[in-house]
Amino acid sequence: MNISILLLTIAIAFLITVLLSPIFIPFLRRLKFGQSIREEGPESHLKKTGTPTMGGLMIVFSIIITSLIMVGKTGSDGIGYELWLLLLVLVGYGFLGFLDDFIKVAMKRNLGLTSKQKMLGQIVIALIFYFILRSQDFPTYIQIPGTGIQWELGWGYALLIIFMLVGASNAVNLTDGLDGLLAGTAAIAFGAFGILAWYGFPQNEVTLFTLAAVGALLGFLVFNAHPAKVFMGDTGSLALGGAIAAVAILTKLEIILVIVGGVFVIETLSVIIQVISFKTTGKRVFKMSPLHHHYELLGWSEWRVVTTFWLIGLIFAALGIYIEVGLS
C-alpha cells in the first residue's frame, strides 16, 4: 500500500470531521447537550459549563466512513474480519459512552452510567470480540517486543483481551480532561500503530483504520483545541480507548500498547496512587488526579499542560516504534 493512499486516508477523515463540525456543534447546542463540570474539579474549568459534548459522534462517524471508503479503494475483495472487529469495538464502546453522556446531559445525572453498568457493557463487547477472533483461528500467544520469546496463553488470552479493552477504554477516558489533550495524544498513539501496522504487517485494513482515526482526531482538534468549542465526551473517549486496544491485539503488539499509550498509563496510575494513598494514609500524593489536573493546580496554563503531554506522548510513541522495529 503506497504512501499516497495513507495520506489520502488521513485527509478524507480530516475533511469529514472539519466539514461536519460546523453543522453538528450548533445542533448539539440547540439540544442543550452541554457539558456539566464537576464541582470538585479545578475552578478554572467552571467557565466550560455548557460547552457542547458528545462530539465523539463526529469522530466515530468519520472513522467508519473513511475506513469503508478507503478499503474499497484498495481493491480488496470485501471487508475482512479485522475491520469488522475494529468497527464493532469502536461502535460498541462508543454506544456505551453515548449512553453515559446522554444520561449526564439529558437526565442531568452528572455521573452517567454506574460503574457496574459500564463495566458489564465493556466486558460483554470484549467477549464478543474474543469469540469472533478465535473463530478466525487467531493466535493466542503474546510476544516480548524486540525478541523471539513468545508465551502461549490459551484460554487466558480471553482474560488479556478483557483487561486490554476495558483497561484501555477507561485509561483513555481518564485522559480526557483538558481541551485538546486526548485528541492530540490519541492521534499520536494511533499514528504510531499505523506506522507499525504498515511497516511490519500485511494488514491493510488495520492500517487504514488507524490513519482514519488520526485524520478524524486532527479534524476534531481544530474545534477542540483550547478554548474548546466542543468536547468528545465519553462517546469519543471510550470508543477511542477500546479501538486502540483492539488495534494492538490485531497487530499482535499487545505489550507495545503499554509503551505507545504511556500517557494513558501514567494518567491511570496517578489515579490509582492517589486513591490508595488517601485511603491508607489520609494524604494525597497529587494536588488532584488524574495527573493533568495536578499540573494545572501547580499554576501551569492549560495549553502548557496539554502540549507537554503531547510531547511526552510523542516520545512514548517513538520509543514503541523503535523497540518494535529497531530491535527486531
Protein backbone atom coordinates (compact mmCIF):
# COMPACT_ATOMS: atom_id res chain seq x y z
CA MET A 1 0.00 0.00 0.00
CA ASN A 2 1.64 3.21 -1.14
CA ILE A 3 2.06 6.41 0.85
CA SER A 4 -0.45 8.36 -1.27
CA ILE A 5 -3.24 6.03 -0.09
CA LEU A 6 -2.15 6.52 3.52
CA LEU A 7 -2.10 10.32 3.21
CA LEU A 8 -5.44 10.30 1.38
CA THR A 9 -6.97 8.33 4.25
CA ILE A 10 -5.85 10.94 6.79
CA ALA A 11 -7.03 13.78 4.53
CA ILE A 12 -10.52 12.34 3.94
CA ALA A 13 -11.14 11.70 7.64
CA PHE A 14 -9.83 15.17 8.49
CA LEU A 15 -12.12 16.84 5.95
CA ILE A 16 -15.19 14.87 7.01
CA THR A 17 -14.73 15.95 10.62
CA VAL A 18 -13.91 19.57 9.78
CA LEU A 19 -16.87 19.91 7.42
CA LEU A 20 -19.26 18.12 9.77
CA SER A 21 -18.35 20.06 12.92
CA PRO A 22 -19.85 23.48 12.00
CA ILE A 23 -23.15 21.69 11.39
CA PHE A 24 -23.06 19.30 14.32
CA ILE A 25 -21.83 21.65 17.07
CA PRO A 26 -24.76 24.13 16.75
CA PHE A 27 -27.10 21.12 16.63
CA LEU A 28 -25.74 19.88 19.96
CA ARG A 29 -26.08 23.39 21.37
CA ARG A 30 -29.73 23.62 20.30
CA LEU A 31 -30.40 20.29 22.01
CA LYS A 32 -28.76 21.76 25.14
CA PHE A 33 -26.27 18.86 25.20
CA GLY A 34 -23.81 20.90 27.23
CA GLN A 35 -21.07 19.57 29.48
CA SER A 36 -21.63 19.65 33.24
CA ILE A 37 -18.42 20.42 35.12
CA ARG A 38 -17.65 18.62 38.39
CA GLU A 39 -17.70 20.99 41.36
CA GLU A 40 -14.62 19.27 42.82
CA GLY A 41 -12.62 19.96 39.66
CA PRO A 42 -10.33 22.97 39.11
CA GLU A 43 -12.25 26.26 39.44
CA SER A 44 -10.92 27.41 36.07
CA HIS A 45 -13.00 24.70 34.42
CA LEU A 46 -16.34 26.09 35.61
CA LYS A 47 -16.39 28.50 32.67
CA LYS A 48 -16.55 25.47 30.38
CA THR A 49 -20.01 24.57 31.67
CA GLY A 50 -22.44 24.31 28.76
CA THR A 51 -19.83 23.59 26.09
CA PRO A 52 -21.42 21.04 23.72
CA THR A 53 -20.36 17.46 24.36
CA MET A 54 -20.89 14.14 22.52
CA GLY A 55 -18.56 15.42 19.80
CA GLY A 56 -17.16 11.89 19.74
CA LEU A 57 -20.06 11.04 17.42
CA MET A 58 -18.29 13.05 14.69
CA ILE A 59 -15.03 11.18 15.29
CA VAL A 60 -16.70 7.76 15.20
CA PHE A 61 -18.71 8.64 12.08
CA SER A 62 -15.63 9.96 10.28
CA ILE A 63 -13.55 6.86 11.10
CA ILE A 64 -16.29 4.50 9.91
CA ILE A 65 -16.97 6.30 6.63
CA THR A 66 -13.29 6.84 5.81
CA SER A 67 -12.32 3.24 6.61
CA LEU A 68 -15.08 1.81 4.41
CA ILE A 69 -14.27 4.19 1.54
CA MET A 70 -10.54 3.51 1.60
CA VAL A 71 -10.85 -0.26 1.92
CA GLY A 72 -12.91 -0.13 -1.27
CA LYS A 73 -10.23 1.93 -2.99
CA THR A 74 -7.51 -0.63 -2.20
CA GLY A 75 -9.28 -3.20 -4.37
CA SER A 76 -9.96 -5.62 -1.53
CA ASP A 77 -12.45 -8.43 -2.11
CA GLY A 78 -14.92 -7.27 0.52
CA ILE A 79 -14.22 -6.22 4.06
CA GLY A 80 -12.09 -8.51 6.19
CA TYR A 81 -12.89 -9.60 9.72
CA GLU A 82 -10.20 -7.28 11.13
CA LEU A 83 -12.05 -4.11 10.08
CA TRP A 84 -15.41 -5.51 11.21
CA LEU A 85 -13.89 -6.22 14.62
CA LEU A 86 -12.41 -2.74 14.88
CA LEU A 87 -15.76 -1.20 13.94
CA LEU A 88 -17.51 -3.46 16.46
CA VAL A 89 -15.34 -2.17 19.28
CA LEU A 90 -15.45 1.45 18.07
CA VAL A 91 -19.25 1.49 17.78
CA GLY A 92 -19.89 -0.74 20.82
CA TYR A 93 -17.76 1.26 23.22
CA GLY A 94 -18.91 4.47 21.57
CA PHE A 95 -22.53 3.47 22.25
CA LEU A 96 -21.71 2.86 25.92
CA GLY A 97 -20.12 6.29 26.04
CA PHE A 98 -23.15 7.81 24.29
CA LEU A 99 -25.48 6.33 26.92
CA ASP A 100 -23.20 7.70 29.63
CA ASP A 101 -23.15 11.17 28.06
CA PHE A 102 -26.89 11.16 27.37
CA ILE A 103 -27.70 10.34 30.99
CA LYS A 104 -25.43 13.18 32.10
CA VAL A 105 -26.73 15.89 29.79
CA ALA A 106 -30.36 14.88 29.16
CA MET A 107 -31.22 13.35 32.55
CA LYS A 108 -28.96 15.80 34.44
CA ARG A 109 -27.23 12.99 36.33
CA ASN A 110 -23.61 14.11 36.35
CA LEU A 111 -22.09 10.65 36.93
CA GLY A 112 -23.85 8.99 33.97
CA LEU A 113 -23.92 5.20 33.91
CA THR A 114 -22.98 3.44 37.12
CA SER A 115 -19.53 1.86 37.18
CA LYS A 116 -21.10 -1.62 37.23
CA GLN A 117 -23.28 -0.91 34.21
CA LYS A 118 -20.35 0.49 32.25
CA MET A 119 -18.05 -2.38 33.23
CA LEU A 120 -20.63 -5.01 32.27
CA GLY A 121 -21.08 -3.47 28.83
CA GLN A 122 -17.33 -3.24 28.30
CA ILE A 123 -16.79 -6.89 29.26
CA VAL A 124 -19.62 -8.16 27.04
CA ILE A 125 -18.20 -6.36 23.99
CA ALA A 126 -14.72 -7.66 24.82
CA LEU A 127 -16.02 -11.24 24.99
CA ILE A 128 -17.80 -10.89 21.65
CA PHE A 129 -14.54 -9.54 20.22
CA TYR A 130 -12.64 -12.54 21.61
CA PHE A 131 -15.02 -15.23 20.31
CA ILE A 132 -15.09 -13.72 16.82
CA LEU A 133 -11.32 -13.52 16.90
CA ARG A 134 -10.98 -17.18 17.91
CA SER A 135 -13.39 -18.23 15.16
CA GLN A 136 -10.72 -16.95 12.75
CA ASP A 137 -8.02 -19.12 14.39
CA PHE A 138 -6.29 -16.01 15.70
CA PRO A 139 -3.12 -16.91 17.64
CA THR A 140 -3.35 -16.70 21.43
CA TYR A 141 0.29 -16.01 22.24
CA ILE A 142 1.95 -12.75 23.24
CA GLN A 143 5.48 -11.86 22.20
CA ILE A 144 8.09 -9.89 24.12
CA PRO A 145 8.91 -6.86 21.92
CA GLY A 146 12.30 -6.95 20.24
CA THR A 147 12.76 -10.66 20.96
CA GLY A 148 11.60 -14.00 19.64
CA ILE A 149 10.18 -15.00 23.03
CA GLN A 150 6.53 -16.00 22.92
CA TRP A 151 4.11 -17.04 25.66
CA GLU A 152 1.11 -19.15 24.72
CA LEU A 153 -1.86 -18.09 26.84
CA GLY A 154 -4.60 -20.37 25.50
CA TRP A 155 -7.89 -19.50 27.19
CA GLY A 156 -6.00 -16.94 29.23
CA TYR A 157 -5.93 -14.79 26.09
CA ALA A 158 -9.63 -14.07 26.69
CA LEU A 159 -8.74 -12.53 30.05
CA LEU A 160 -6.00 -10.49 28.40
CA ILE A 161 -8.43 -9.14 25.81
CA ILE A 162 -10.93 -8.17 28.50
CA PHE A 163 -8.19 -6.48 30.52
CA MET A 164 -6.85 -4.61 27.48
CA LEU A 165 -10.17 -3.39 26.09
CA VAL A 166 -11.68 -2.43 29.45
CA GLY A 167 -8.41 -1.03 30.79
CA ALA A 168 -7.54 0.99 27.69
CA SER A 169 -11.02 2.47 27.30
CA ASN A 170 -11.05 3.60 30.93
CA ALA A 171 -7.46 4.88 30.80
CA VAL A 172 -8.17 6.95 27.70
CA ASN A 173 -11.38 8.19 29.32
CA LEU A 174 -9.39 9.45 32.33
CA THR A 175 -7.06 11.38 30.00
CA ASP A 176 -9.96 13.35 28.52
CA GLY A 177 -9.86 16.29 30.93
CA LEU A 178 -8.34 19.29 29.15
CA ASP A 179 -9.01 20.98 25.82
CA GLY A 180 -7.25 19.01 23.09
CA LEU A 181 -5.39 16.70 25.49
CA LEU A 182 -6.97 13.42 24.45
CA ALA A 183 -7.45 14.34 20.79
CA GLY A 184 -3.72 15.03 20.47
CA THR A 185 -2.38 12.11 22.50
CA ALA A 186 -4.78 9.65 20.86
CA ALA A 187 -3.84 10.88 17.37
CA ILE A 188 -0.17 10.29 18.23
CA ALA A 189 -0.86 6.78 19.56
CA PHE A 190 -2.99 5.79 16.57
CA GLY A 191 -0.32 7.23 14.26
CA ALA A 192 2.34 5.06 15.91
CA PHE A 193 0.25 1.92 15.49
CA GLY A 194 -0.49 2.96 11.91
CA ILE A 195 3.24 3.10 11.19
CA LEU A 196 3.80 -0.29 12.83
CA ALA A 197 0.86 -1.91 11.04
CA TRP A 198 2.01 -0.55 7.69
CA TYR A 199 5.67 -1.41 8.23
CA GLY A 200 5.55 -4.84 9.78
CA PHE A 201 2.19 -6.42 9.00
CA PRO A 202 0.24 -7.15 5.81
CA GLN A 203 -2.90 -5.78 7.49
CA ASN A 204 -4.04 -3.01 5.18
CA GLU A 205 -7.42 -2.64 6.86
CA VAL A 206 -5.89 -2.09 10.29
CA THR A 207 -3.51 0.48 8.83
CA LEU A 208 -6.33 2.35 7.11
CA PHE A 209 -8.43 2.30 10.27
CA THR A 210 -5.65 3.77 12.40
CA LEU A 211 -4.93 6.52 9.88
CA ALA A 212 -8.64 7.30 9.59
CA ALA A 213 -8.58 7.76 13.36
CA VAL A 214 -5.58 10.11 13.06
CA GLY A 215 -7.34 12.23 10.45
CA ALA A 216 -10.62 12.33 12.38
CA LEU A 217 -8.83 13.35 15.59
CA LEU A 218 -6.81 16.08 13.87
CA GLY A 219 -10.02 17.41 12.35
CA PHE A 220 -11.71 17.32 15.75
CA LEU A 221 -8.73 19.10 17.27
CA VAL A 222 -9.50 22.14 15.09
CA PHE A 223 -12.59 22.68 17.26
CA ASN A 224 -11.40 21.00 20.48
CA ALA A 225 -8.10 22.85 21.00
CA HIS A 226 -8.13 25.49 23.73
CA PRO A 227 -10.57 27.16 24.05
CA ALA A 228 -12.68 24.15 23.05
CA LYS A 229 -15.89 24.69 21.12
CA VAL A 230 -16.88 21.06 21.63
CA PHE A 231 -15.91 18.10 23.82
CA MET A 232 -15.80 14.49 22.63
CA GLY A 233 -17.36 13.18 25.85
CA ASP A 234 -17.36 9.53 26.85
CA THR A 235 -18.83 8.82 23.40
CA GLY A 236 -15.42 9.54 21.95
CA SER A 237 -13.05 8.58 24.74
CA LEU A 238 -14.46 5.10 25.40
CA ALA A 239 -14.66 4.39 21.65
CA LEU A 240 -11.07 5.51 21.05
CA GLY A 241 -9.69 3.64 24.05
CA GLY A 242 -11.34 0.39 23.05
CA ALA A 243 -10.31 0.85 19.42
CA ILE A 244 -6.62 1.44 20.16
CA ALA A 245 -6.52 -1.71 22.31
CA ALA A 246 -8.22 -3.66 19.51
CA VAL A 247 -5.59 -2.41 17.06
CA ALA A 248 -2.80 -3.56 19.40
CA ILE A 249 -4.40 -7.00 19.66
CA LEU A 250 -4.93 -7.45 15.92
CA THR A 251 -1.34 -6.46 15.16
CA LYS A 252 -0.01 -8.73 17.94
CA LEU A 253 1.52 -5.69 19.66
CA GLU A 254 -0.23 -6.20 22.97
CA ILE A 255 2.76 -5.26 25.12
CA ILE A 256 3.74 -2.33 22.90
CA LEU A 257 0.38 -0.76 23.80
CA VAL A 258 1.72 -0.07 27.29
CA ILE A 259 4.59 1.92 25.77
CA VAL A 260 2.82 3.72 22.93
CA GLY A 261 -0.04 4.51 25.30
CA GLY A 262 2.35 5.62 28.02
CA VAL A 263 0.46 8.86 28.72
CA PHE A 264 -2.75 6.91 29.33
CA VAL A 265 -0.89 4.52 31.64
CA ILE A 266 0.60 7.39 33.65
CA GLU A 267 -2.76 9.13 33.98
CA THR A 268 -4.34 5.90 35.26
CA LEU A 269 -1.51 5.19 37.69
CA SER A 270 -1.85 8.70 39.11
CA VAL A 271 -5.48 7.98 39.97
CA ILE A 272 -4.65 4.59 41.50
CA ILE A 273 -1.79 6.04 43.57
CA GLN A 274 -3.97 8.92 44.74
CA VAL A 275 -6.80 6.62 45.85
CA ILE A 276 -4.51 4.13 47.61
CA SER A 277 -2.57 6.89 49.37
CA PHE A 278 -5.69 8.70 50.57
CA LYS A 279 -7.40 5.53 51.80
CA THR A 280 -4.33 4.20 53.62
CA THR A 281 -2.72 7.39 54.98
CA GLY A 282 -5.36 10.08 54.54
CA LYS A 283 -2.88 12.08 52.45
CA ARG A 284 -2.87 12.92 48.77
CA VAL A 285 0.24 12.43 46.64
CA PHE A 286 -1.01 14.83 43.95
CA LYS A 287 -2.95 18.05 44.32
CA MET A 288 -5.60 16.39 42.15
CA SER A 289 -5.81 13.36 39.91
CA PRO A 290 -5.65 12.48 37.05
CA LEU A 291 -2.16 13.89 36.71
CA HIS A 292 -3.00 16.69 34.24
CA HIS A 293 -5.06 18.42 36.96
CA HIS A 294 -2.08 18.29 39.33
CA TYR A 295 -0.03 20.45 36.97
CA GLU A 296 -2.94 22.83 36.47
CA LEU A 297 -3.12 23.38 40.22
CA LEU A 298 0.65 23.96 40.28
CA GLY A 299 -0.03 27.02 38.15
CA TRP A 300 0.64 25.68 34.66
CA SER A 301 -1.60 27.06 31.93
CA GLU A 302 -3.96 24.56 30.33
CA TRP A 303 -2.17 24.89 26.99
CA ARG A 304 1.22 24.25 28.62
CA VAL A 305 -0.06 21.06 30.25
CA VAL A 306 -1.60 19.83 27.00
CA THR A 307 1.45 20.50 24.81
CA THR A 308 3.75 18.92 27.41
CA PHE A 309 1.64 15.78 27.47
CA TRP A 310 1.60 15.74 23.65
CA LEU A 311 5.40 15.84 23.68
CA ILE A 312 5.54 13.01 26.20
CA GLY A 313 3.11 11.06 24.01
CA LEU A 314 5.40 11.58 21.01
CA ILE A 315 8.38 10.30 23.00
CA PHE A 316 6.48 7.18 24.07
CA ALA A 317 5.28 6.60 20.50
CA ALA A 318 8.80 6.91 19.11
CA LEU A 319 10.09 4.55 21.81
CA GLY A 320 7.44 1.98 20.98
CA ILE A 321 8.26 2.13 17.28
CA TYR A 322 11.98 1.85 17.98
CA ILE A 323 11.56 -1.17 20.27
CA GLU A 324 9.37 -2.99 17.78
CA VAL A 325 11.20 -2.04 14.57
CA GLY A 326 14.73 -1.15 15.65
CA LEU A 327 15.30 -4.11 17.95
CA SER A 328 13.56 -6.75 15.81
